Amino acid sequence: MYSANLTSLVTHFWDEEAKSFPLKLEDEIIQSALVTAGGEIRSELLKKHYESL
């Protein structure tokens, strides 16, 4: 099941022309799945956890 979900995610966002997986940070699905980007924590849940330490 995990592999099917991962395949669907990659297939949905894969740019066939550029042969790449661009991170469109404004996309709701990417925002929910992304943990870090550009050296910062993007996950709100993890941000709250590390801020409380």
Protein backbone atom coordinates (compact mmCIF):
# COMPACT_ATOMS: atom_id res chain seq x y z
CA MET A 1 0.00 0.00 0.00
CA TYR A 2 2.81 2.41 0.89
CA SER A 3 4.53 1.84 -2.44
CA ALA A 4 1.28 2.50 -4.33
CA ASN A 5 0.78 5.77 -2.46
CA LEU A 6 4.36 6.85 -3.08
CA THR A 7 4.10 5.94 -6.76
CA SER A 8 0.90 7.98 -7.06
CA LEU A 9 2.54 10.98 -5.40
CA VAL A 10 5.61 10.90 -7.64
CA THR A 11 3.54 10.27 -10.78
CA HIS A 12 1.21 13.17 -9.97
CA PHE A 13 4.02 15.71 -9.59
CA TRP A 14 6.59 14.33 -12.04
CA ASP A 15 7.48 16.81 -14.81
CA GLU A 16 7.89 14.58 -17.86
CA GLU A 17 9.48 17.29 -20.03
CA ALA A 18 12.13 18.28 -17.47
CA LYS A 19 12.45 14.71 -16.11
CA SER A 20 12.31 16.11 -12.58
CA PHE A 21 10.22 16.27 -9.43
CA PRO A 22 9.78 19.99 -8.78
CA LEU A 23 8.80 21.00 -5.25
CA LYS A 24 5.90 23.40 -5.70
CA LEU A 25 5.80 24.65 -2.12
CA GLU A 26 2.44 26.35 -2.67
CA ASP A 27 0.75 23.02 -3.43
CA GLU A 28 -1.38 21.71 -0.55
CA ILE A 29 -0.29 18.10 -1.02
CA ILE A 30 3.41 19.02 -1.06
CA GLN A 31 2.92 21.23 2.02
CA SER A 32 1.39 18.31 3.92
CA ALA A 33 4.03 15.78 2.88
CA LEU A 34 7.16 17.93 3.12
CA VAL A 35 9.17 17.74 6.33
CA THR A 36 12.12 20.02 5.47
CA ALA A 37 13.14 22.27 2.59
CA GLY A 38 15.91 24.80 2.15
CA GLY A 39 17.36 24.01 5.55
CA GLU A 40 14.18 24.77 7.47
CA ILE A 41 11.52 22.59 9.02
CA ARG A 42 8.32 22.90 6.96
CA SER A 43 6.12 20.60 9.03
CA GLU A 44 4.07 22.60 11.53
CA LEU A 45 3.87 19.61 13.86
CA LEU A 46 7.65 19.25 13.97
CA LYS A 47 8.18 23.01 14.31
CA LYS A 48 6.00 23.05 17.41
CA HIS A 49 7.81 20.05 18.83
CA TYR A 50 11.31 21.50 18.38
CA GLU A 51 10.27 24.96 19.59
CA SER A 52 9.09 23.43 22.85
CA LEU A 53 12.49 21.84 23.60
